[in-house]
Amino acid sequence: MARPVRVGNLVEVSGTAAADEQGNILGGDDYYEQTKAALRIIGEGLGQLGASLEHVVRTRVYLRDPGWWEDAGRAHGEVFGQIRPANTIVGVAGFVDPRILVEVEATAVVEES
C-alpha cells in the first residue's frame, strides 16, 4: 500500500513495498518483479491524489541486496518508459518483513488545483 501525501503541488510517496493490503508479498523472491509491483502500487497511490507516474520527478529505490540493482533498474526503466525521474538506488540491511526485497519512495510535482 502506497501512502501518498500532497502539499500544494508536491506529492510525496513513502517507502512502498510490493505488498497487497493483506500483507501478501507480490513478485515472490524476485527483485525485478517486486520493483515493478511496488511502482504499480505507487502509481495507484498517486492516482488517489490526482497525480500519475508521469508527474514523478524523483525516486529512491532501497534494495536488501544492492547486487540486484540491474534487475531493479530494468523494472524501473520499463515502468517509467520515456519518463526519466532522478533516481537513487541504495542498499539496506533489511526491512520490517524479511520477505521484502525492495522498497521505493517517490516524489511527484503536479499543477496546483
PDB file of N, CA and C in Angstrom:
ATOM      1  N   MET A   1       0.838  -1.178   0.000  1.00  0.00           N
ATOM      2  CA  MET A   1       0.000   0.000   0.000  1.00  0.00           C
ATOM      3  C   MET A   1       0.883   1.242   0.000  1.00  0.00           C
ATOM      4  N   ALA A   2       0.690   2.127  -0.949  1.00  0.00           N
ATOM      5  CA  ALA A   2       1.431   3.390  -1.021  1.00  0.00           C
ATOM      6  C   ALA A   2       0.741   4.407  -0.125  1.00  0.00           C
ATOM      7  N   ARG A   3       1.545   5.218   0.536  1.00  0.00           N
ATOM      8  CA  ARG A   3       0.986   6.262   1.388  1.00  0.00           C
ATOM      9  C   ARG A   3       1.422   7.619   0.858  1.00  0.00           C
ATOM     10  N   PRO A   4       0.641   8.169  -0.075  1.00  0.00           N
ATOM     11  CA  PRO A   4       0.991   9.471  -0.638  1.00  0.00           C
ATOM     12  C   PRO A   4       0.450  10.618   0.209  1.00  0.00           C
ATOM     13  N   VAL A   5       1.197  11.701   0.223  1.00  0.00           N
ATOM     14  CA  VAL A   5       0.779  12.925   0.904  1.00  0.00           C
ATOM     15  C   VAL A   5       0.981  14.064  -0.081  1.00  0.00           C
ATOM     16  N   ARG A   6      -0.050  14.901  -0.238  1.00  0.00           N
ATOM     17  CA  ARG A   6       0.060  16.046  -1.146  1.00  0.00           C
ATOM     18  C   ARG A   6       0.042  17.339  -0.346  1.00  0.00           C
ATOM     19  N   VAL A   7       1.022  18.198  -0.637  1.00  0.00           N
ATOM     20  CA  VAL A   7       1.092  19.537  -0.061  1.00  0.00           C
ATOM     21  C   VAL A   7       1.302  20.489  -1.231  1.00  0.00           C
ATOM     22  N   GLY A   8       0.279  21.273  -1.555  1.00  0.00           N
ATOM     23  CA  GLY A   8       0.374  22.147  -2.724  1.00  0.00           C
ATOM     24  C   GLY A   8       0.542  21.317  -3.979  1.00  0.00           C
ATOM     25  N   ASN A   9       1.604  21.599  -4.719  1.00  0.00           N
ATOM     26  CA  ASN A   9       1.825  20.852  -5.961  1.00  0.00           C
ATOM     27  C   ASN A   9       2.803  19.689  -5.786  1.00  0.00           C
ATOM     28  N   LEU A  10       3.215  19.417  -4.565  1.00  0.00           N
ATOM     29  CA  LEU A  10       4.180  18.355  -4.279  1.00  0.00           C
ATOM     30  C   LEU A  10       3.473  17.134  -3.699  1.00  0.00           C
ATOM     31  N   VAL A  11       3.782  15.957  -4.258  1.00  0.00           N
ATOM     32  CA  VAL A  11       3.256  14.702  -3.724  1.00  0.00           C
ATOM     33  C   VAL A  11       4.443  13.833  -3.331  1.00  0.00           C
ATOM     34  N   GLU A  12       4.458  13.417  -2.079  1.00  0.00           N
ATOM     35  CA  GLU A  12       5.497  12.515  -1.581  1.00  0.00           C
ATOM     36  C   GLU A  12       4.855  11.163  -1.300  1.00  0.00           C
ATOM     37  N   VAL A  13       5.501  10.103  -1.774  1.00  0.00           N
ATOM     38  CA  VAL A  13       5.019   8.751  -1.506  1.00  0.00           C
ATOM     39  C   VAL A  13       6.059   8.062  -0.634  1.00  0.00           C
ATOM     40  N   SER A  14       5.619   7.605   0.530  1.00  0.00           N
ATOM     41  CA  SER A  14       6.535   6.958   1.468  1.00  0.00           C
ATOM     42  C   SER A  14       7.004   5.610   0.925  1.00  0.00           C
ATOM     43  N   GLY A  15       7.970   5.028   1.615  1.00  0.00           N
ATOM     44  CA  GLY A  15       8.517   3.737   1.207  1.00  0.00           C
ATOM     45  C   GLY A  15       7.414   2.730   0.932  1.00  0.00           C
ATOM     46  N   THR A  16       7.409   2.211  -0.279  1.00  0.00           N
ATOM     47  CA  THR A  16       6.353   1.317  -0.734  1.00  0.00           C
ATOM     48  C   THR A  16       6.957  -0.008  -1.152  1.00  0.00           C
ATOM     49  N   ALA A  17       6.504  -1.063  -0.509  1.00  0.00           N
ATOM     50  CA  ALA A  17       6.958  -2.408  -0.855  1.00  0.00           C
ATOM     51  C   ALA A  17       5.935  -3.060  -1.779  1.00  0.00           C
ATOM     52  N   ALA A  18       6.318  -4.183  -2.337  1.00  0.00           N
ATOM     53  CA  ALA A  18       5.432  -4.949  -3.210  1.00  0.00           C
ATOM     54  C   ALA A  18       4.535  -5.827  -2.347  1.00  0.00           C
ATOM     55  N   ALA A  19       3.625  -5.194  -1.622  1.00  0.00           N
ATOM     56  CA  ALA A  19       2.728  -5.933  -0.733  1.00  0.00           C
ATOM     57  C   ALA A  19       1.295  -5.469  -0.954  1.00  0.00           C
ATOM     58  N   ASP A  20       0.371  -6.431  -0.926  1.00  0.00           N
ATOM     59  CA  ASP A  20      -1.033  -6.049  -1.052  1.00  0.00           C
ATOM     60  C   ASP A  20      -1.597  -5.689   0.323  1.00  0.00           C
ATOM     61  N   GLU A  21      -2.869  -5.334   0.352  1.00  0.00           N
ATOM     62  CA  GLU A  21      -3.491  -4.871   1.598  1.00  0.00           C
ATOM     63  C   GLU A  21      -3.584  -5.962   2.657  1.00  0.00           C
ATOM     64  N   GLN A  22      -3.466  -7.223   2.260  1.00  0.00           N
ATOM     65  CA  GLN A  22      -3.493  -8.327   3.215  1.00  0.00           C
ATOM     66  C   GLN A  22      -2.087  -8.701   3.696  1.00  0.00           C
ATOM     67  N   GLY A  23      -1.081  -7.992   3.195  1.00  0.00           N
ATOM     68  CA  GLY A  23       0.294  -8.272   3.599  1.00  0.00           C
ATOM     69  C   GLY A  23       0.992  -9.330   2.769  1.00  0.00           C
ATOM     70  N   ASN A  24       0.343  -9.792   1.702  1.00  0.00           N
ATOM     71  CA  ASN A  24       0.986 -10.754   0.807  1.00  0.00           C
ATOM     72  C   ASN A  24       2.049 -10.038  -0.010  1.00  0.00           C
ATOM     73  N   ILE A  25       3.224 -10.639  -0.117  1.00  0.00           N
ATOM     74  CA  ILE A  25       4.303 -10.054  -0.908  1.00  0.00           C
ATOM     75  C   ILE A  25       4.098 -10.435  -2.365  1.00  0.00           C
ATOM     76  N   LEU A  26       4.087  -9.433  -3.229  1.00  0.00           N
ATOM     77  CA  LEU A  26       3.895  -9.629  -4.667  1.00  0.00           C
ATOM     78  C   LEU A  26       5.257  -9.761  -5.334  1.00  0.00           C
ATOM     79  N   GLY A  27       5.364 -10.625  -6.296  1.00  0.00           N
ATOM     80  CA  GLY A  27       6.615 -10.761  -7.029  1.00  0.00           C
ATOM     81  C   GLY A  27       7.561 -11.800  -6.466  1.00  0.00           C
ATOM     82  N   GLY A  28       7.130 -12.515  -5.451  1.00  0.00           N
ATOM     83  CA  GLY A  28       7.958 -13.591  -4.902  1.00  0.00           C
ATOM     84  C   GLY A  28       9.329 -13.125  -4.461  1.00  0.00           C
ATOM     85  N   ASP A  29      10.321 -13.953  -4.690  1.00  0.00           N
ATOM     86  CA  ASP A  29      11.699 -13.675  -4.279  1.00  0.00           C
ATOM     87  C   ASP A  29      12.487 -13.127  -5.475  1.00  0.00           C
ATOM     88  N   ASP A  30      11.911 -12.114  -6.136  1.00  0.00           N
ATOM     89  CA  ASP A  30      12.457 -11.606  -7.392  1.00  0.00           C
ATOM     90  C   ASP A  30      12.523 -10.078  -7.339  1.00  0.00           C
ATOM     91  N   TYR A  31      13.729  -9.535  -7.412  1.00  0.00           N
ATOM     92  CA  TYR A  31      13.913  -8.076  -7.322  1.00  0.00           C
ATOM     93  C   TYR A  31      13.207  -7.341  -8.455  1.00  0.00           C
ATOM     94  N   TYR A  32      13.287  -7.873  -9.654  1.00  0.00           N
ATOM     95  CA  TYR A  32      12.634  -7.257 -10.809  1.00  0.00           C
ATOM     96  C   TYR A  32      11.122  -7.178 -10.591  1.00  0.00           C
ATOM     97  N   GLU A  33      10.503  -8.299 -10.236  1.00  0.00           N
ATOM     98  CA  GLU A  33       9.048  -8.344 -10.068  1.00  0.00           C
ATOM     99  C   GLU A  33       8.590  -7.511  -8.875  1.00  0.00           C
ATOM    100  N   GLN A  34       9.345  -7.544  -7.773  1.00  0.00           N
ATOM    101  CA  GLN A  34       8.955  -6.725  -6.624  1.00  0.00           C
ATOM    102  C   GLN A  34       9.061  -5.237  -6.947  1.00  0.00           C
ATOM    103  N   THR A  35      10.077  -4.852  -7.711  1.00  0.00           N
ATOM    104  CA  THR A  35      10.211  -3.441  -8.089  1.00  0.00           C
ATOM    105  C   THR A  35       9.038  -3.012  -8.959  1.00  0.00           C
ATOM    106  N   LYS A  36       8.696  -3.823  -9.965  1.00  0.00           N
ATOM    107  CA  LYS A  36       7.549  -3.496 -10.817  1.00  0.00           C
ATOM    108  C   LYS A  36       6.269  -3.372 -10.000  1.00  0.00           C
ATOM    109  N   ALA A  37       6.058  -4.295  -9.079  1.00  0.00           N
ATOM    110  CA  ALA A  37       4.840  -4.266  -8.268  1.00  0.00           C
ATOM    111  C   ALA A  37       4.808  -3.034  -7.367  1.00  0.00           C
ATOM    112  N   ALA A  38       5.937  -2.697  -6.752  1.00  0.00           N
ATOM    113  CA  ALA A  38       5.988  -1.507  -5.887  1.00  0.00           C
ATOM    114  C   ALA A  38       5.682  -0.249  -6.694  1.00  0.00           C
ATOM    115  N   LEU A  39       6.225  -0.148  -7.892  1.00  0.00           N
ATOM    116  CA  LEU A  39       5.974   1.025  -8.729  1.00  0.00           C
ATOM    117  C   LEU A  39       4.514   1.089  -9.183  1.00  0.00           C
ATOM    118  N   ARG A  40       3.920  -0.057  -9.447  1.00  0.00           N
ATOM    119  CA  ARG A  40       2.492  -0.084  -9.808  1.00  0.00           C
ATOM    120  C   ARG A  40       1.654   0.430  -8.634  1.00  0.00           C
ATOM    121  N   ILE A  41       1.993  -0.013  -7.428  1.00  0.00           N
ATOM    122  CA  ILE A  41       1.274   0.431  -6.231  1.00  0.00           C
ATOM    123  C   ILE A  41       1.460   1.937  -6.032  1.00  0.00           C
ATOM    124  N   ILE A  42       2.666   2.427  -6.277  1.00  0.00           N
ATOM    125  CA  ILE A  42       2.913   3.873  -6.186  1.00  0.00           C
ATOM    126  C   ILE A  42       2.035   4.617  -7.187  1.00  0.00           C
ATOM    127  N   GLY A  43       1.956   4.110  -8.415  1.00  0.00           N
ATOM    128  CA  GLY A  43       1.101   4.738  -9.424  1.00  0.00           C
ATOM    129  C   GLY A  43      -0.346   4.815  -8.974  1.00  0.00           C
ATOM    130  N   GLU A  44      -0.840   3.748  -8.337  1.00  0.00           N
ATOM    131  CA  GLU A  44      -2.211   3.749  -7.827  1.00  0.00           C
ATOM    132  C   GLU A  44      -2.370   4.789  -6.718  1.00  0.00           C
ATOM    133  N   GLY A  45      -1.380   4.885  -5.834  1.00  0.00           N
ATOM    134  CA  GLY A  45      -1.434   5.869  -4.753  1.00  0.00           C
ATOM    135  C   GLY A  45      -1.415   7.291  -5.279  1.00  0.00           C
ATOM    136  N   LEU A  46      -0.595   7.535  -6.285  1.00  0.00           N
ATOM    137  CA  LEU A  46      -0.553   8.864  -6.894  1.00  0.00           C
ATOM    138  C   LEU A  46      -1.915   9.227  -7.477  1.00  0.00           C
ATOM    139  N   GLY A  47      -2.559   8.248  -8.094  1.00  0.00           N
ATOM    140  CA  GLY A  47      -3.869   8.479  -8.689  1.00  0.00           C
ATOM    141  C   GLY A  47      -4.907   8.938  -7.676  1.00  0.00           C
ATOM    142  N   GLN A  48      -4.769   8.503  -6.432  1.00  0.00           N
ATOM    143  CA  GLN A  48      -5.702   8.920  -5.377  1.00  0.00           C
ATOM    144  C   GLN A  48      -5.630  10.423  -5.122  1.00  0.00           C
ATOM    145  N   LEU A  49      -4.497  11.034  -5.487  1.00  0.00           N
ATOM    146  CA  LEU A  49      -4.299  12.462  -5.222  1.00  0.00           C
ATOM    147  C   LEU A  49      -4.191  13.286  -6.499  1.00  0.00           C
ATOM    148  N   GLY A  50      -4.699  12.745  -7.601  1.00  0.00           N
ATOM    149  CA  GLY A  50      -4.719  13.494  -8.848  1.00  0.00           C
ATOM    150  C   GLY A  50      -3.394  13.558  -9.572  1.00  0.00           C
ATOM    151  N   ALA A  51      -2.514  12.612  -9.289  1.00  0.00           N
ATOM    152  CA  ALA A  51      -1.207  12.572  -9.952  1.00  0.00           C
ATOM    153  C   ALA A  51      -1.055  11.221 -10.644  1.00  0.00           C
ATOM    154  N   SER A  52       0.055  11.055 -11.351  1.00  0.00           N
ATOM    155  CA  SER A  52       0.353   9.789 -12.012  1.00  0.00           C
ATOM    156  C   SER A  52       1.867   9.626 -12.079  1.00  0.00           C
ATOM    157  N   LEU A  53       2.307   8.498 -12.601  1.00  0.00           N
ATOM    158  CA  LEU A  53       3.749   8.276 -12.748  1.00  0.00           C
ATOM    159  C   LEU A  53       4.391   9.338 -13.637  1.00  0.00           C
ATOM    160  N   GLU A  54       3.613   9.927 -14.545  1.00  0.00           N
ATOM    161  CA  GLU A  54       4.148  10.982 -15.414  1.00  0.00           C
ATOM    162  C   GLU A  54       4.596  12.206 -14.627  1.00  0.00           C
ATOM    163  N   HIS A  55       4.081  12.369 -13.423  1.00  0.00           N
ATOM    164  CA  HIS A  55       4.427  13.519 -12.588  1.00  0.00           C
ATOM    165  C   HIS A  55       5.639  13.264 -11.692  1.00  0.00           C
ATOM    166  N   VAL A  56       6.135  12.038 -11.672  1.00  0.00           N
ATOM    167  CA  VAL A  56       7.242  11.689 -10.772  1.00  0.00           C
ATOM    168  C   VAL A  56       8.535  12.329 -11.264  1.00  0.00           C
ATOM    169  N   VAL A  57       9.204  13.028 -10.357  1.00  0.00           N
ATOM    170  CA  VAL A  57      10.472  13.685 -10.686  1.00  0.00           C
ATOM    171  C   VAL A  57      11.653  13.048  -9.960  1.00  0.00           C
ATOM    172  N   ARG A  58      11.375  12.207  -8.948  1.00  0.00           N
ATOM    173  CA  ARG A  58      12.454  11.603  -8.172  1.00  0.00           C
ATOM    174  C   ARG A  58      11.980  10.292  -7.566  1.00  0.00           C
ATOM    175  N   THR A  59      12.855   9.270  -7.624  1.00  0.00           N
ATOM    176  CA  THR A  59      12.593   8.015  -6.926  1.00  0.00           C
ATOM    177  C   THR A  59      13.829   7.618  -6.136  1.00  0.00           C
ATOM    178  N   ARG A  60      13.571   6.877  -5.072  1.00  0.00           N
ATOM    179  CA  ARG A  60      14.634   6.276  -4.279  1.00  0.00           C
ATOM    180  C   ARG A  60      14.278   4.804  -4.142  1.00  0.00           C
ATOM    181  N   VAL A  61      15.179   3.944  -4.579  1.00  0.00           N
ATOM    182  CA  VAL A  61      14.934   2.504  -4.551  1.00  0.00           C
ATOM    183  C   VAL A  61      15.878   1.894  -3.518  1.00  0.00           C
ATOM    184  N   TYR A  62      15.300   1.240  -2.534  1.00  0.00           N
ATOM    185  CA  TYR A  62      16.074   0.604  -1.468  1.00  0.00           C
ATOM    186  C   TYR A  62      16.066  -0.904  -1.699  1.00  0.00           C
ATOM    187  N   LEU A  63      17.252  -1.503  -1.749  1.00  0.00           N
ATOM    188  CA  LEU A  63      17.385  -2.930  -2.025  1.00  0.00           C
ATOM    189  C   LEU A  63      18.040  -3.643  -0.851  1.00  0.00           C
ATOM    190  N   ARG A  64      17.480  -4.782  -0.479  1.00  0.00           N
ATOM    191  CA  ARG A  64      18.092  -5.583   0.583  1.00  0.00           C
ATOM    192  C   ARG A  64      19.472  -6.074   0.158  1.00  0.00           C
ATOM    193  N   ASP A  65      19.628  -6.383  -1.116  1.00  0.00           N
ATOM    194  CA  ASP A  65      20.930  -6.780  -1.659  1.00  0.00           C
ATOM    195  C   ASP A  65      21.206  -5.897  -2.876  1.00  0.00           C
ATOM    196  N   PRO A  66      22.119  -4.912  -2.733  1.00  0.00           N
ATOM    197  CA  PRO A  66      22.362  -3.990  -3.845  1.00  0.00           C
ATOM    198  C   PRO A  66      22.968  -4.657  -5.075  1.00  0.00           C
ATOM    199  N   GLY A  67      23.390  -5.895  -4.953  1.00  0.00           N
ATOM    200  CA  GLY A  67      23.900  -6.619  -6.110  1.00  0.00           C
ATOM    201  C   GLY A  67      22.840  -6.847  -7.182  1.00  0.00           C
ATOM    202  N   TRP A  68      21.583  -6.664  -6.817  1.00  0.00           N
ATOM    203  CA  TRP A  68      20.473  -6.843  -7.759  1.00  0.00           C
ATOM    204  C   TRP A  68      20.024  -5.527  -8.377  1.00  0.00           C
ATOM    205  N   TRP A  69      20.876  -4.517  -8.340  1.00  0.00           N
ATOM    206  CA  TRP A  69      20.497  -3.190  -8.833  1.00  0.00           C
ATOM    207  C   TRP A  69      20.091  -3.211 -10.305  1.00  0.00           C
ATOM    208  N   GLU A  70      20.709  -4.085 -11.106  1.00  0.00           N
ATOM    209  CA  GLU A  70      20.361  -4.107 -12.534  1.00  0.00           C
ATOM    210  C   GLU A  70      18.920  -4.566 -12.749  1.00  0.00           C
ATOM    211  N   ASP A  71      18.476  -5.567 -11.993  1.00  0.00           N
ATOM    212  CA  ASP A  71      17.096  -6.036 -12.126  1.00  0.00           C
ATOM    213  C   ASP A  71      16.115  -4.945 -11.703  1.00  0.00           C
ATOM    214  N   ALA A  72      16.411  -4.294 -10.584  1.00  0.00           N
ATOM    215  CA  ALA A  72      15.544  -3.204 -10.117  1.00  0.00           C
ATOM    216  C   ALA A  72      15.555  -2.052 -11.118  1.00  0.00           C
ATOM    217  N   GLY A  73      16.724  -1.729 -11.643  1.00  0.00           N
ATOM    218  CA  GLY A  73      16.838  -0.649 -12.620  1.00  0.00           C
ATOM    219  C   GLY A  73      16.098  -0.956 -13.912  1.00  0.00           C
ATOM    220  N   ARG A  74      16.149  -2.221 -14.336  1.00  0.00           N
ATOM    221  CA  ARG A  74      15.428  -2.619 -15.553  1.00  0.00           C
ATOM    222  C   ARG A  74      13.923  -2.462 -15.349  1.00  0.00           C
ATOM    223  N   ALA A  75      13.425  -2.909 -14.195  1.00  0.00           N
ATOM    224  CA  ALA A  75      11.993  -2.760 -13.907  1.00  0.00           C
ATOM    225  C   ALA A  75      11.607  -1.287 -13.858  1.00  0.00           C
ATOM    226  N   HIS A  76      12.437  -0.476 -13.221  1.00  0.00           N
ATOM    227  CA  HIS A  76      12.200   0.970 -13.119  1.00  0.00           C
ATOM    228  C   HIS A  76      12.098   1.575 -14.518  1.00  0.00           C
ATOM    229  N   GLY A  77      13.046   1.235 -15.380  1.00  0.00           N
ATOM    230  CA  GLY A  77      13.054   1.763 -16.740  1.00  0.00           C
ATOM    231  C   GLY A  77      11.846   1.327 -17.545  1.00  0.00           C
ATOM    232  N   GLU A  78      11.434   0.076 -17.376  1.00  0.00           N
ATOM    233  CA  GLU A  78      10.271  -0.418 -18.113  1.00  0.00           C
ATOM    234  C   GLU A  78       8.982   0.253 -17.648  1.00  0.00           C
ATOM    235  N   VAL A  79       8.837   0.434 -16.350  1.00  0.00           N
ATOM    236  CA  VAL A  79       7.610   1.049 -15.833  1.00  0.00           C
ATOM    237  C   VAL A  79       7.529   2.516 -16.239  1.00  0.00           C
ATOM    238  N   PHE A  80       8.646   3.228 -16.141  1.00  0.00           N
ATOM    239  CA  PHE A  80       8.614   4.662 -16.437  1.00  0.00           C
ATOM    240  C   PHE A  80       8.743   4.961 -17.925  1.00  0.00           C
ATOM    241  N   GLY A  81       9.304   4.072 -18.711  1.00  0.00           N
ATOM    242  CA  GLY A  81       9.427   4.299 -20.147  1.00  0.00           C
ATOM    243  C   GLY A  81      10.168   5.582 -20.462  1.00  0.00           C
ATOM    244  N   GLN A  82       9.496   6.505 -21.160  1.00  0.00           N
ATOM    245  CA  GLN A  82      10.117   7.767 -21.556  1.00  0.00           C
ATOM    246  C   GLN A  82      10.230   8.772 -20.405  1.00  0.00           C
ATOM    247  N   ILE A  83       9.553   8.494 -19.310  1.00  0.00           N
ATOM    248  CA  ILE A  83       9.658   9.358 -18.126  1.00  0.00           C
ATOM    249  C   ILE A  83      10.994   9.046 -17.472  1.00  0.00           C
ATOM    250  N   ARG A  84      11.767  10.045 -17.174  1.00  0.00           N
ATOM    251  CA  ARG A  84      13.103   9.817 -16.620  1.00  0.00           C
ATOM    252  C   ARG A  84      13.291  10.573 -15.307  1.00  0.00           C
ATOM    253  N   PRO A  85      12.684  10.076 -14.216  1.00  0.00           N
ATOM    254  CA  PRO A  85      12.892  10.758 -12.940  1.00  0.00           C
ATOM    255  C   PRO A  85      14.319  10.556 -12.444  1.00  0.00           C
ATOM    256  N   ALA A  86      14.805  11.518 -11.667  1.00  0.00           N
ATOM    257  CA  ALA A  86      16.079  11.311 -10.983  1.00  0.00           C
ATOM    258  C   ALA A  86      15.899  10.084 -10.094  1.00  0.00           C
ATOM    259  N   ASN A  87      16.933   9.261  -9.980  1.00  0.00           N
ATOM    260  CA  ASN A  87      16.790   8.010  -9.246  1.00  0.00           C
ATOM    261  C   ASN A  87      18.055   7.714  -8.458  1.00  0.00           C
ATOM    262  N   THR A  88      17.869   7.231  -7.250  1.00  0.00           N
ATOM    263  CA  THR A  88      18.975   6.761  -6.427  1.00  0.00           C
ATOM    264  C   THR A  88      18.650   5.349  -5.980  1.00  0.00           C
ATOM    265  N   ILE A  89      19.638   4.456  -6.060  1.00  0.00           N
ATOM    266  CA  ILE A  89      19.481   3.091  -5.561  1.00  0.00           C
ATOM    267  C   ILE A  89      20.411   2.928  -4.369  1.00  0.00           C
ATOM    268  N   VAL A  90      19.849   2.431  -3.264  1.00  0.00           N
ATOM    269  CA  VAL A  90      20.595   2.304  -2.016  1.00  0.00           C
ATOM    270  C   VAL A  90      20.451   0.885  -1.480  1.00  0.00           C
ATOM    271  N   GLY A  91      21.546   0.309  -1.011  1.00  0.00           N
ATOM    272  CA  GLY A  91      21.497  -0.982  -0.338  1.00  0.00           C
ATOM    273  C   GLY A  91      21.202  -0.779   1.138  1.00  0.00           C
ATOM    274  N   VAL A  92      20.338  -1.625   1.694  1.00  0.00           N
ATOM    275  CA  VAL A  92      19.974  -1.527   3.111  1.00  0.00           C
ATOM    276  C   VAL A  92      20.152  -2.893   3.783  1.00  0.00           C
ATOM    277  N   ALA A  93      20.208  -2.885   5.105  1.00  0.00           N
ATOM    278  CA  ALA A  93      20.398  -4.125   5.863  1.00  0.00           C
ATOM    279  C   ALA A  93      19.163  -5.020   5.826  1.00  0.00           C
ATOM    280  N   GLY A  94      18.001  -4.442   5.667  1.00  0.00           N
ATOM    281  CA  GLY A  94      16.779  -5.234   5.624  1.00  0.00           C
ATOM    282  C   GLY A  94      15.563  -4.362   5.828  1.00  0.00           C
ATOM    283  N   PHE A  95      14.399  -5.008   5.838  1.00  0.00           N
ATOM    284  CA  PHE A  95      13.126  -4.323   6.013  1.00  0.00           C
ATOM    285  C   PHE A  95      12.362  -4.965   7.163  1.00  0.00           C
ATOM    286  N   VAL A  96      11.251  -4.375   7.541  1.00  0.00           N
ATOM    287  CA  VAL A  96      10.447  -4.887   8.648  1.00  0.00           C
ATOM    288  C   VAL A  96      10.043  -6.342   8.403  1.00  0.00           C
ATOM    289  N   ASP A  97       9.656  -6.643   7.176  1.00  0.00           N
ATOM    290  CA  ASP A  97       9.279  -8.006   6.792  1.00  0.00           C
ATOM    291  C   ASP A  97      10.434  -8.590   5.979  1.00  0.00           C
ATOM    292  N   PRO A  98      11.019  -9.701   6.404  1.00  0.00           N
ATOM    293  CA  PRO A  98      12.174 -10.253   5.688  1.00  0.00           C
ATOM    294  C   PRO A  98      11.879 -10.730   4.268  1.00  0.00           C
ATOM    295  N   ARG A  99      10.608 -10.853   3.893  1.00  0.00           N
ATOM    296  CA  ARG A  99      10.264 -11.242   2.520  1.00  0.00           C
ATOM    297  C   ARG A  99      10.394 -10.079   1.553  1.00  0.00           C
ATOM    298  N   ILE A 100      10.450  -8.867   2.094  1.00  0.00           N
ATOM    299  CA  ILE A 100      10.557  -7.675   1.250  1.00  0.00           C
ATOM    300  C   ILE A 100      11.990  -7.528   0.772  1.00  0.00           C
ATOM    301  N   LEU A 101      12.158  -7.408  -0.530  1.00  0.00           N
ATOM    302  CA  LEU A 101      13.469  -7.217  -1.143  1.00  0.00           C
ATOM    303  C   LEU A 101      13.692  -5.775  -1.560  1.00  0.00           C
ATOM    304  N   VAL A 102      12.595  -5.058  -1.834  1.00  0.00           N
ATOM    305  CA  VAL A 102      12.654  -3.726  -2.440  1.00  0.00           C
ATOM    306  C   VAL A 102      11.618  -2.811  -1.784  1.00  0.00           C
ATOM    307  N   GLU A 103      12.003  -1.570  -1.557  1.00  0.00           N
ATOM    308  CA  GLU A 103      11.050  -0.509  -1.223  1.00  0.00           C
ATOM    309  C   GLU A 103      11.379   0.679  -2.106  1.00  0.00           C
ATOM    310  N   VAL A 104      10.350   1.398  -2.523  1.00  0.00           N
ATOM    311  CA  VAL A 104      10.541   2.553  -3.392  1.00  0.00           C
ATOM    312  C   VAL A 104       9.817   3.755  -2.792  1.00  0.00           C
ATOM    313  N   GLU A 105      10.486   4.910  -2.800  1.00  0.00           N
ATOM    314  CA  GLU A 105       9.872   6.191  -2.454  1.00  0.00           C
ATOM    315  C   GLU A 105       9.804   7.017  -3.730  1.00  0.00           C
ATOM    316  N   ALA A 106       8.831   7.908  -3.803  1.00  0.00           N
ATOM    317  CA  ALA A 106       8.701   8.744  -4.997  1.00  0.00           C
ATOM    318  C   ALA A 106       8.274  10.156  -4.622  1.00  0.00           C
ATOM    319  N   THR A 107       8.720  11.099  -5.443  1.00  0.00           N
ATOM    320  CA  THR A 107       8.312  12.495  -5.341  1.00  0.00           C
ATOM    321  C   THR A 107       7.719  12.895  -6.684  1.00  0.00           C
ATOM    322  N   ALA A 108       6.540  13.497  -6.645  1.00  0.00           N
ATOM    323  CA  ALA A 108       5.885  13.957  -7.871  1.00  0.00           C
ATOM    324  C   ALA A 108       5.537  15.433  -7.727  1.00  0.00           C
ATOM    325  N   VAL A 109       5.499  16.113  -8.856  1.00  0.00           N
ATOM    326  CA  VAL A 109       5.102  17.520  -8.895  1.00  0.00           C
ATOM    327  C   VAL A 109       3.934  17.633  -9.866  1.00  0.00           C
ATOM    328  N   VAL A 110       2.826  18.198  -9.371  1.00  0.00           N
ATOM    329  CA  VAL A 110       1.625  18.365 -10.187  1.00  0.00           C
ATOM    330  C   VAL A 110       1.222  19.829 -10.187  1.00  0.00           C
ATOM    331  N   GLU A 111       0.352  20.181 -11.113  1.00  0.00           N
ATOM    332  CA  GLU A 111      -0.166  21.551 -11.120  1.00  0.00           C
ATOM    333  C   GLU A 111      -1.063  21.732  -9.915  1.00  0.00           C
ATOM    334  N   GLU A 112      -0.965  22.889  -9.285  1.00  0.00           N
ATOM    335  CA  GLU A 112      -1.817  23.149  -8.123  1.00  0.00           C
ATOM    336  C   GLU A 112      -3.261  23.245  -8.567  1.00  0.00           C
ATOM    337  N   SER A 113      -4.138  22.669  -7.732  1.00  0.00           N
ATOM    338  CA  SER A 113      -5.568  22.689  -8.084  1.00  0.00           C
ATOM    339  C   SER A 113      -6.283  23.804  -7.368  1.00  0.00           C
TER     340      SER A 113
END
